[in-house]
Amino acid sequence: LYKTKRETKIAIVPIGHYDGFGLTKEKEIYDFHS
C-alpha cells in the first residue's frame, strides 16, 4: 500500500503490533468532538 516517491533510506526497527505499537486504546466516551 505504500510506495516510495523518491530514492529512500530505510531503517528497520524490531518493534511492531506484538509489542503494542500501532494499536490504539478505544476512547471511553464518544461525542461529536471525539
PDB file of all heavy atoms in Angstrom:
ATOM      1  N   LEU A   1       0.813  -1.217   0.000  1.00  0.00           N
ATOM      2  CA  LEU A   1       0.000   0.000   0.000  1.00  0.00           C
ATOM      3  C   LEU A   1       0.847   1.268   0.000  1.00  0.00           C
ATOM      4  O   LEU A   1       0.368   2.338  -0.381  1.00  0.00           O
ATOM      5  CB  LEU A   1      -0.936   0.004   1.213  1.00  0.00           C
ATOM      6  CG  LEU A   1      -1.964  -1.135   1.262  1.00  0.00           C
ATOM      7  CD1 LEU A   1      -2.785  -1.037   2.538  1.00  0.00           C
ATOM      8  CD2 LEU A   1      -2.873  -1.081   0.040  1.00  0.00           C
ATOM      9  N   TYR A   2       2.079   1.145   0.428  1.00  0.00           N
ATOM     10  CA  TYR A   2       2.957   2.313   0.476  1.00  0.00           C
ATOM     11  C   TYR A   2       4.052   2.156  -0.572  1.00  0.00           C
ATOM     12  O   TYR A   2       4.740   1.134  -0.628  1.00  0.00           O
ATOM     13  CB  TYR A   2       3.581   2.454   1.864  1.00  0.00           C
ATOM     14  CG  TYR A   2       4.432   3.694   2.029  1.00  0.00           C
ATOM     15  CD1 TYR A   2       3.893   4.862   2.550  1.00  0.00           C
ATOM     16  CD2 TYR A   2       5.768   3.696   1.643  1.00  0.00           C
ATOM     17  CE1 TYR A   2       4.663   6.014   2.698  1.00  0.00           C
ATOM     18  CE2 TYR A   2       6.556   4.841   1.774  1.00  0.00           C
ATOM     19  CZ  TYR A   2       5.991   5.986   2.306  1.00  0.00           C
ATOM     20  OH  TYR A   2       6.754   7.123   2.438  1.00  0.00           O
ATOM     21  N   LYS A   3       4.236   3.182  -1.406  1.00  0.00           N
ATOM     22  CA  LYS A   3       5.303   3.190  -2.401  1.00  0.00           C
ATOM     23  C   LYS A   3       6.128   4.459  -2.242  1.00  0.00           C
ATOM     24  O   LYS A   3       5.573   5.554  -2.043  1.00  0.00           O
ATOM     25  CB  LYS A   3       4.716   3.120  -3.823  1.00  0.00           C
ATOM     26  CG  LYS A   3       4.022   1.796  -4.143  1.00  0.00           C
ATOM     27  CD  LYS A   3       3.577   1.753  -5.586  1.00  0.00           C
ATOM     28  CE  LYS A   3       2.801   0.471  -5.889  1.00  0.00           C
ATOM     29  NZ  LYS A   3       3.625  -0.728  -5.696  1.00  0.00           N
ATOM     30  N   THR A   4       7.427   4.306  -2.331  1.00  0.00           N
ATOM     31  CA  THR A   4       8.312   5.454  -2.183  1.00  0.00           C
ATOM     32  C   THR A   4       8.160   6.408  -3.369  1.00  0.00           C
ATOM     33  O   THR A   4       7.947   5.978  -4.505  1.00  0.00           O
ATOM     34  CB  THR A   4       9.773   5.005  -2.074  1.00  0.00           C
ATOM     35  OG1 THR A   4      10.113   4.233  -3.233  1.00  0.00           O
ATOM     36  CG2 THR A   4       9.993   4.149  -0.830  1.00  0.00           C
ATOM     37  N   LYS A   5       8.282   7.705  -3.083  1.00  0.00           N
ATOM     38  CA  LYS A   5       8.171   8.715  -4.137  1.00  0.00           C
ATOM     39  C   LYS A   5       9.540   9.163  -4.631  1.00  0.00           C
ATOM     40  O   LYS A   5       9.638   9.912  -5.613  1.00  0.00           O
ATOM     41  CB  LYS A   5       7.387   9.911  -3.603  1.00  0.00           C
ATOM     42  CG  LYS A   5       5.938   9.582  -3.248  1.00  0.00           C
ATOM     43  CD  LYS A   5       5.201  10.802  -2.722  1.00  0.00           C
ATOM     44  CE  LYS A   5       3.754  10.453  -2.388  1.00  0.00           C
ATOM     45  NZ  LYS A   5       2.999  11.616  -1.862  1.00  0.00           N
ATOM     46  N   ARG A   6      10.584   8.709  -3.951  1.00  0.00           N
ATOM     47  CA  ARG A   6      11.963   9.070  -4.316  1.00  0.00           C
ATOM     48  C   ARG A   6      12.884   7.988  -3.781  1.00  0.00           C
ATOM     49  O   ARG A   6      12.448   7.076  -3.079  1.00  0.00           O
ATOM     50  CB  ARG A   6      12.330  10.410  -3.701  1.00  0.00           C
ATOM     51  CG  ARG A   6      11.988  10.487  -2.202  1.00  0.00           C
ATOM     52  CD  ARG A   6      12.630  11.645  -1.523  1.00  0.00           C
ATOM     53  NE  ARG A   6      12.128  11.925  -0.194  1.00  0.00           N
ATOM     54  CZ  ARG A   6      12.247  11.150   0.879  1.00  0.00           C
ATOM     55  NH1 ARG A   6      12.849   9.982   0.780  1.00  0.00           N
ATOM     56  NH2 ARG A   6      11.771  11.532   2.052  1.00  0.00           N
ATOM     57  N   GLU A   7      14.127   8.072  -4.125  1.00  0.00           N
ATOM     58  CA  GLU A   7      15.086   7.140  -3.522  1.00  0.00           C
ATOM     59  C   GLU A   7      15.037   7.352  -2.014  1.00  0.00           C
ATOM     60  O   GLU A   7      15.111   8.489  -1.534  1.00  0.00           O
ATOM     61  CB  GLU A   7      16.494   7.412  -4.046  1.00  0.00           C
ATOM     62  CG  GLU A   7      17.518   6.415  -3.508  1.00  0.00           C
ATOM     63  CD  GLU A   7      18.898   6.653  -4.077  1.00  0.00           C
ATOM     64  OE1 GLU A   7      19.600   7.553  -3.544  1.00  0.00           O
ATOM     65  OE2 GLU A   7      19.266   5.955  -5.049  1.00  0.00           O
ATOM     66  N   THR A   8      14.884   6.280  -1.284  1.00  0.00           N
ATOM     67  CA  THR A   8      14.580   6.390   0.155  1.00  0.00           C
ATOM     68  C   THR A   8      15.492   5.492   0.979  1.00  0.00           C
ATOM     69  O   THR A   8      15.690   4.320   0.655  1.00  0.00           O
ATOM     70  CB  THR A   8      13.115   6.019   0.419  1.00  0.00           C
ATOM     71  OG1 THR A   8      12.264   6.841  -0.380  1.00  0.00           O
ATOM     72  CG2 THR A   8      12.764   6.199   1.885  1.00  0.00           C
ATOM     73  N   LYS A   9      15.995   6.063   2.055  1.00  0.00           N
ATOM     74  CA  LYS A   9      16.789   5.285   3.007  1.00  0.00           C
ATOM     75  C   LYS A   9      15.859   4.809   4.117  1.00  0.00           C
ATOM     76  O   LYS A   9      15.092   5.604   4.676  1.00  0.00           O
ATOM     77  CB  LYS A   9      17.923   6.134   3.592  1.00  0.00           C
ATOM     78  CG  LYS A   9      18.849   5.362   4.539  1.00  0.00           C
ATOM     79  CD  LYS A   9      19.961   6.272   5.061  1.00  0.00           C
ATOM     80  CE  LYS A   9      20.871   5.522   6.030  1.00  0.00           C
ATOM     81  NZ  LYS A   9      21.928   6.417   6.590  1.00  0.00           N
ATOM     82  N   ILE A  10      15.922   3.535   4.424  1.00  0.00           N
ATOM     83  CA  ILE A  10      15.001   2.926   5.384  1.00  0.00           C
ATOM     84  C   ILE A  10      15.770   2.349   6.575  1.00  0.00           C
ATOM     85  O   ILE A  10      16.851   1.781   6.411  1.00  0.00           O
ATOM     86  CB  ILE A  10      14.207   1.787   4.720  1.00  0.00           C
ATOM     87  CG1 ILE A  10      13.387   2.315   3.549  1.00  0.00           C
ATOM     88  CG2 ILE A  10      13.291   1.095   5.731  1.00  0.00           C
ATOM     89  CD1 ILE A  10      12.759   1.213   2.724  1.00  0.00           C
ATOM     90  N   ALA A  11      15.181   2.515   7.773  1.00  0.00           N
ATOM     91  CA  ALA A  11      15.682   1.830   8.967  1.00  0.00           C
ATOM     92  C   ALA A  11      14.646   0.801   9.387  1.00  0.00           C
ATOM     93  O   ALA A  11      13.443   1.089   9.371  1.00  0.00           O
ATOM     94  CB  ALA A  11      15.917   2.827  10.098  1.00  0.00           C
ATOM     95  N   ILE A  12      15.106  -0.381   9.735  1.00  0.00           N
ATOM     96  CA  ILE A  12      14.213  -1.428  10.223  1.00  0.00           C
ATOM     97  C   ILE A  12      14.335  -1.491  11.742  1.00  0.00           C
ATOM     98  O   ILE A  12      15.420  -1.709  12.287  1.00  0.00           O
ATOM     99  CB  ILE A  12      14.548  -2.799   9.617  1.00  0.00           C
ATOM    100  CG1 ILE A  12      14.555  -2.715   8.089  1.00  0.00           C
ATOM    101  CG2 ILE A  12      13.547  -3.844  10.103  1.00  0.00           C
ATOM    102  CD1 ILE A  12      13.247  -2.252   7.487  1.00  0.00           C
ATOM    103  N   VAL A  13      13.205  -1.267  12.413  1.00  0.00           N
ATOM    104  CA  VAL A  13      13.166  -1.269  13.880  1.00  0.00           C
ATOM    105  C   VAL A  13      12.351  -2.481  14.344  1.00  0.00           C
ATOM    106  O   VAL A  13      11.222  -2.672  13.883  1.00  0.00           O
ATOM    107  CB  VAL A  13      12.508   0.028  14.407  1.00  0.00           C
ATOM    108  CG1 VAL A  13      12.442   0.014  15.926  1.00  0.00           C
ATOM    109  CG2 VAL A  13      13.280   1.250  13.908  1.00  0.00           C
ATOM    110  N   PRO A  14      12.898  -3.315  15.224  1.00  0.00           N
ATOM    111  CA  PRO A  14      12.189  -4.533  15.673  1.00  0.00           C
ATOM    112  C   PRO A  14      11.106  -4.262  16.704  1.00  0.00           C
ATOM    113  O   PRO A  14      11.102  -4.808  17.815  1.00  0.00           O
ATOM    114  CB  PRO A  14      13.319  -5.386  16.249  1.00  0.00           C
ATOM    115  CG  PRO A  14      14.278  -4.386  16.802  1.00  0.00           C
ATOM    116  CD  PRO A  14      14.240  -3.231  15.821  1.00  0.00           C
ATOM    117  N   ILE A  15      10.162  -3.411  16.336  1.00  0.00           N
ATOM    118  CA  ILE A  15       9.002  -3.084  17.161  1.00  0.00           C
ATOM    119  C   ILE A  15       7.770  -3.172  16.269  1.00  0.00           C
ATOM    120  O   ILE A  15       7.781  -2.615  15.158  1.00  0.00           O
ATOM    121  CB  ILE A  15       9.110  -1.672  17.759  1.00  0.00           C
ATOM    122  CG1 ILE A  15      10.232  -1.597  18.805  1.00  0.00           C
ATOM    123  CG2 ILE A  15       7.786  -1.250  18.399  1.00  0.00           C
ATOM    124  CD1 ILE A  15      10.482  -0.198  19.339  1.00  0.00           C
ATOM    125  N   GLY A  16       6.731  -3.864  16.727  1.00  0.00           N
ATOM    126  CA  GLY A  16       5.536  -3.996  15.907  1.00  0.00           C
ATOM    127  C   GLY A  16       4.284  -4.185  16.740  1.00  0.00           C
ATOM    128  O   GLY A  16       4.253  -3.871  17.936  1.00  0.00           O
ATOM    129  N   HIS A  17       3.265  -4.736  16.105  1.00  0.00           N
ATOM    130  CA  HIS A  17       1.981  -4.934  16.797  1.00  0.00           C
ATOM    131  C   HIS A  17       2.127  -5.843  18.011  1.00  0.00           C
ATOM    132  O   HIS A  17       1.424  -5.664  19.002  1.00  0.00           O
ATOM    133  CB  HIS A  17       0.950  -5.531  15.840  1.00  0.00           C
ATOM    134  CG  HIS A  17       0.468  -4.572  14.790  1.00  0.00           C
ATOM    135  ND1 HIS A  17       0.144  -3.269  15.063  1.00  0.00           N
ATOM    136  CD2 HIS A  17       0.257  -4.734  13.452  1.00  0.00           C
ATOM    137  CE1 HIS A  17      -0.253  -2.665  13.955  1.00  0.00           C
ATOM    138  NE2 HIS A  17      -0.190  -3.522  12.964  1.00  0.00           N
ATOM    139  N   TYR A  18       3.018  -6.820  17.939  1.00  0.00           N
ATOM    140  CA  TYR A  18       3.213  -7.730  19.074  1.00  0.00           C
ATOM    141  C   TYR A  18       3.651  -6.947  20.312  1.00  0.00           C
ATOM    142  O   TYR A  18       3.262  -7.278  21.435  1.00  0.00           O
ATOM    143  CB  TYR A  18       4.257  -8.787  18.729  1.00  0.00           C
ATOM    144  CG  TYR A  18       4.576  -9.729  19.870  1.00  0.00           C
ATOM    145  CD1 TYR A  18       3.738 -10.812  20.152  1.00  0.00           C
ATOM    146  CD2 TYR A  18       5.697  -9.538  20.671  1.00  0.00           C
ATOM    147  CE1 TYR A  18       4.019 -11.677  21.200  1.00  0.00           C
ATOM    148  CE2 TYR A  18       5.982 -10.394  21.722  1.00  0.00           C
ATOM    149  CZ  TYR A  18       5.142 -11.459  21.990  1.00  0.00           C
ATOM    150  OH  TYR A  18       5.414 -12.310  23.037  1.00  0.00           O
ATOM    151  N   ASP A  19       4.453  -5.921  20.095  1.00  0.00           N
ATOM    152  CA  ASP A  19       4.922  -5.089  21.204  1.00  0.00           C
ATOM    153  C   ASP A  19       3.845  -4.119  21.680  1.00  0.00           C
ATOM    154  O   ASP A  19       3.922  -3.600  22.786  1.00  0.00           O
ATOM    155  CB  ASP A  19       6.152  -4.286  20.765  1.00  0.00           C
ATOM    156  CG  ASP A  19       7.252  -5.181  20.230  1.00  0.00           C
ATOM    157  OD1 ASP A  19       7.248  -5.480  19.022  1.00  0.00           O
ATOM    158  OD2 ASP A  19       8.109  -5.589  21.030  1.00  0.00           O
ATOM    159  N   GLY A  20       2.860  -3.858  20.810  1.00  0.00           N
ATOM    160  CA  GLY A  20       1.805  -2.910  21.147  1.00  0.00           C
ATOM    161  C   GLY A  20       1.826  -1.658  20.291  1.00  0.00           C
ATOM    162  O   GLY A  20       0.932  -0.815  20.386  1.00  0.00           O
ATOM    163  N   PHE A  21       2.836  -1.535  19.423  1.00  0.00           N
ATOM    164  CA  PHE A  21       2.965  -0.349  18.583  1.00  0.00           C
ATOM    165  C   PHE A  21       1.933  -0.374  17.459  1.00  0.00           C
ATOM    166  O   PHE A  21       1.741  -1.382  16.793  1.00  0.00           O
ATOM    167  CB  PHE A  21       4.374  -0.282  17.992  1.00  0.00           C
ATOM    168  CG  PHE A  21       4.663   0.982  17.234  1.00  0.00           C
ATOM    169  CD1 PHE A  21       4.286   2.218  17.735  1.00  0.00           C
ATOM    170  CD2 PHE A  21       5.340   0.938  16.018  1.00  0.00           C
ATOM    171  CE1 PHE A  21       4.568   3.387  17.043  1.00  0.00           C
ATOM    172  CE2 PHE A  21       5.629   2.098  15.323  1.00  0.00           C
ATOM    173  CZ  PHE A  21       5.244   3.330  15.830  1.00  0.00           C
ATOM    174  N   GLY A  22       1.257   0.767  17.269  1.00  0.00           N
ATOM    175  CA  GLY A  22       0.256   0.858  16.218  1.00  0.00           C
ATOM    176  C   GLY A  22      -1.130   0.459  16.661  1.00  0.00           C
ATOM    177  O   GLY A  22      -2.095   0.617  15.915  1.00  0.00           O
ATOM    178  N   LEU A  23      -1.231  -0.061  17.879  1.00  0.00           N
ATOM    179  CA  LEU A  23      -2.545  -0.376  18.441  1.00  0.00           C
ATOM    180  C   LEU A  23      -3.032   0.853  19.190  1.00  0.00           C
ATOM    181  O   LEU A  23      -2.237   1.631  19.711  1.00  0.00           O
ATOM    182  CB  LEU A  23      -2.454  -1.565  19.409  1.00  0.00           C
ATOM    183  CG  LEU A  23      -1.828  -2.845  18.843  1.00  0.00           C
ATOM    184  CD1 LEU A  23      -1.790  -3.906  19.931  1.00  0.00           C
ATOM    185  CD2 LEU A  23      -2.620  -3.336  17.643  1.00  0.00           C
ATOM    186  N   THR A  24      -4.325   1.039  19.263  1.00  0.00           N
ATOM    187  CA  THR A  24      -4.866   2.204  19.959  1.00  0.00           C
ATOM    188  C   THR A  24      -5.886   1.777  20.986  1.00  0.00           C
ATOM    189  O   THR A  24      -6.652   0.845  20.759  1.00  0.00           O
ATOM    190  CB  THR A  24      -5.531   3.191  18.984  1.00  0.00           C
ATOM    191  OG1 THR A  24      -6.566   2.508  18.263  1.00  0.00           O
ATOM    192  CG2 THR A  24      -4.520   3.745  17.996  1.00  0.00           C
ATOM    193  N   LYS A  25      -5.874   2.448  22.138  1.00  0.00           N
ATOM    194  CA  LYS A  25      -6.862   2.219  23.179  1.00  0.00           C
ATOM    195  C   LYS A  25      -8.137   2.946  22.784  1.00  0.00           C
ATOM    196  O   LYS A  25      -8.122   4.134  22.500  1.00  0.00           O
ATOM    197  CB  LYS A  25      -6.361   2.737  24.524  1.00  0.00           C
ATOM    198  CG  LYS A  25      -7.292   2.453  25.695  1.00  0.00           C
ATOM    199  CD  LYS A  25      -6.652   2.930  26.993  1.00  0.00           C
ATOM    200  CE  LYS A  25      -7.518   2.601  28.194  1.00  0.00           C
ATOM    201  NZ  LYS A  25      -8.746   3.393  28.217  1.00  0.00           N
ATOM    202  N   GLU A  26      -9.243   2.209  22.735  1.00  0.00           N
ATOM    203  CA  GLU A  26     -10.509   2.826  22.350  1.00  0.00           C
ATOM    204  C   GLU A  26     -10.913   3.899  23.358  1.00  0.00           C
ATOM    205  O   GLU A  26     -10.689   3.761  24.559  1.00  0.00           O
ATOM    206  CB  GLU A  26     -11.616   1.765  22.272  1.00  0.00           C
ATOM    207  CG  GLU A  26     -11.394   0.747  21.164  1.00  0.00           C
ATOM    208  CD  GLU A  26     -11.377   1.361  19.778  1.00  0.00           C
ATOM    209  OE1 GLU A  26     -12.124   2.331  19.551  1.00  0.00           O
ATOM    210  OE2 GLU A  26     -10.609   0.883  18.934  1.00  0.00           O
ATOM    211  N   LYS A  27     -11.520   4.957  22.855  1.00  0.00           N
ATOM    212  CA  LYS A  27     -11.986   6.026  23.739  1.00  0.00           C
ATOM    213  C   LYS A  27     -13.069   5.511  24.675  1.00  0.00           C
ATOM    214  O   LYS A  27     -13.868   4.666  24.304  1.00  0.00           O
ATOM    215  CB  LYS A  27     -12.531   7.198  22.916  1.00  0.00           C
ATOM    216  CG  LYS A  27     -11.444   8.049  22.262  1.00  0.00           C
ATOM    217  CD  LYS A  27     -12.076   9.242  21.585  1.00  0.00           C
ATOM    218  CE  LYS A  27     -11.020  10.193  21.044  1.00  0.00           C
ATOM    219  NZ  LYS A  27     -10.277  10.844  22.117  1.00  0.00           N
ATOM    220  N   GLU A  28     -13.072   6.022  25.896  1.00  0.00           N
ATOM    221  CA  GLU A  28     -14.082   5.609  26.862  1.00  0.00           C
ATOM    222  C   GLU A  28     -15.401   6.342  26.642  1.00  0.00           C
ATOM    223  O   GLU A  28     -16.440   5.931  27.129  1.00  0.00           O
ATOM    224  CB  GLU A  28     -13.572   5.863  28.282  1.00  0.00           C
ATOM    225  CG  GLU A  28     -12.351   5.023  28.611  1.00  0.00           C
ATOM    226  CD  GLU A  28     -11.940   5.225  30.048  1.00  0.00           C
ATOM    227  OE1 GLU A  28     -12.815   5.337  30.916  1.00  0.00           O
ATOM    228  OE2 GLU A  28     -10.745   5.283  30.313  1.00  0.00           O
ATOM    229  N   ILE A  29     -15.350   7.450  25.911  1.00  0.00           N
ATOM    230  CA  ILE A  29     -16.571   8.198  25.628  1.00  0.00           C
ATOM    231  C   ILE A  29     -16.553   8.628  24.174  1.00  0.00           C
ATOM    232  O   ILE A  29     -15.500   8.783  23.559  1.00  0.00           O
ATOM    233  CB  ILE A  29     -16.695   9.459  26.521  1.00  0.00           C
ATOM    234  CG1 ILE A  29     -15.433  10.324  26.380  1.00  0.00           C
ATOM    235  CG2 ILE A  29     -16.917   9.083  27.958  1.00  0.00           C
ATOM    236  CD1 ILE A  29     -15.575  11.665  27.041  1.00  0.00           C
ATOM    237  N   TYR A  30     -17.716   8.793  23.616  1.00  0.00           N
ATOM    238  CA  TYR A  30     -17.825   9.273  22.245  1.00  0.00           C
ATOM    239  C   TYR A  30     -18.811  10.434  22.218  1.00  0.00           C
ATOM    240  O   TYR A  30     -19.951  10.324  22.647  1.00  0.00           O
ATOM    241  CB  TYR A  30     -18.324   8.161  21.318  1.00  0.00           C
ATOM    242  CG  TYR A  30     -17.282   7.104  21.051  1.00  0.00           C
ATOM    243  CD1 TYR A  30     -17.230   5.953  21.826  1.00  0.00           C
ATOM    244  CD2 TYR A  30     -16.332   7.281  20.055  1.00  0.00           C
ATOM    245  CE1 TYR A  30     -16.265   4.991  21.595  1.00  0.00           C
ATOM    246  CE2 TYR A  30     -15.357   6.323  19.818  1.00  0.00           C
ATOM    247  CZ  TYR A  30     -15.334   5.183  20.580  1.00  0.00           C
ATOM    248  OH  TYR A  30     -14.384   4.241  20.363  1.00  0.00           O
ATOM    249  N   ASP A  31     -18.368  11.566  21.704  1.00  0.00           N
ATOM    250  CA  ASP A  31     -19.247  12.689  21.497  1.00  0.00           C
ATOM    251  C   ASP A  31     -18.923  13.283  20.136  1.00  0.00           C
ATOM    252  O   ASP A  31     -18.088  12.765  19.392  1.00  0.00           O
ATOM    253  CB  ASP A  31     -19.103  13.735  22.611  1.00  0.00           C
ATOM    254  CG  ASP A  31     -17.659  14.200  22.783  1.00  0.00           C
ATOM    255  OD1 ASP A  31     -16.858  14.019  21.837  1.00  0.00           O
ATOM    256  OD2 ASP A  31     -17.342  14.743  23.848  1.00  0.00           O
ATOM    257  N   PHE A  32     -19.566  14.377  19.788  1.00  0.00           N
ATOM    258  CA  PHE A  32     -19.366  14.968  18.470  1.00  0.00           C
ATOM    259  C   PHE A  32     -17.903  15.302  18.214  1.00  0.00           C
ATOM    260  O   PHE A  32     -17.370  15.035  17.147  1.00  0.00           O
ATOM    261  CB  PHE A  32     -20.223  16.231  18.338  1.00  0.00           C
ATOM    262  CG  PHE A  32     -19.960  17.002  17.070  1.00  0.00           C
ATOM    263  CD1 PHE A  32     -20.476  16.564  15.860  1.00  0.00           C
ATOM    264  CD2 PHE A  32     -19.180  18.159  17.089  1.00  0.00           C
ATOM    265  CE1 PHE A  32     -20.222  17.266  14.682  1.00  0.00           C
ATOM    266  CE2 PHE A  32     -18.925  18.861  15.923  1.00  0.00           C
ATOM    267  CZ  PHE A  32     -19.448  18.415  14.715  1.00  0.00           C
ATOM    268  N   HIS A  33     -17.239  15.888  19.230  1.00  0.00           N
ATOM    269  CA  HIS A  33     -15.860  16.327  19.041  1.00  0.00           C
ATOM    270  C   HIS A  33     -14.899  15.151  18.869  1.00  0.00           C
ATOM    271  O   HIS A  33     -13.978  15.208  18.056  1.00  0.00           O
ATOM    272  CB  HIS A  33     -15.428  17.207  20.226  1.00  0.00           C
ATOM    273  CG  HIS A  33     -16.202  18.478  20.325  1.00  0.00           C
ATOM    274  ND1 HIS A  33     -16.084  19.496  19.404  1.00  0.00           N
ATOM    275  CD2 HIS A  33     -17.142  18.887  21.223  1.00  0.00           C
ATOM    276  CE1 HIS A  33     -16.894  20.496  19.744  1.00  0.00           C
ATOM    277  NE2 HIS A  33     -17.550  20.148  20.834  1.00  0.00           N
ATOM    278  N   SER A  34     -15.103  14.073  19.630  1.00  0.00           N
ATOM    279  CA  SER A  34     -14.210  12.921  19.507  1.00  0.00           C
ATOM    280  C   SER A  34     -14.389  12.230  18.163  1.00  0.00           C
ATOM    281  O   SER A  34     -13.434  11.779  17.544  1.00  0.00           O
ATOM    282  CB  SER A  34     -14.446  11.930  20.658  1.00  0.00           C
ATOM    283  OG  SER A  34     -15.724  11.349  20.578  1.00  0.00           O
TER     284      SER A  34
END
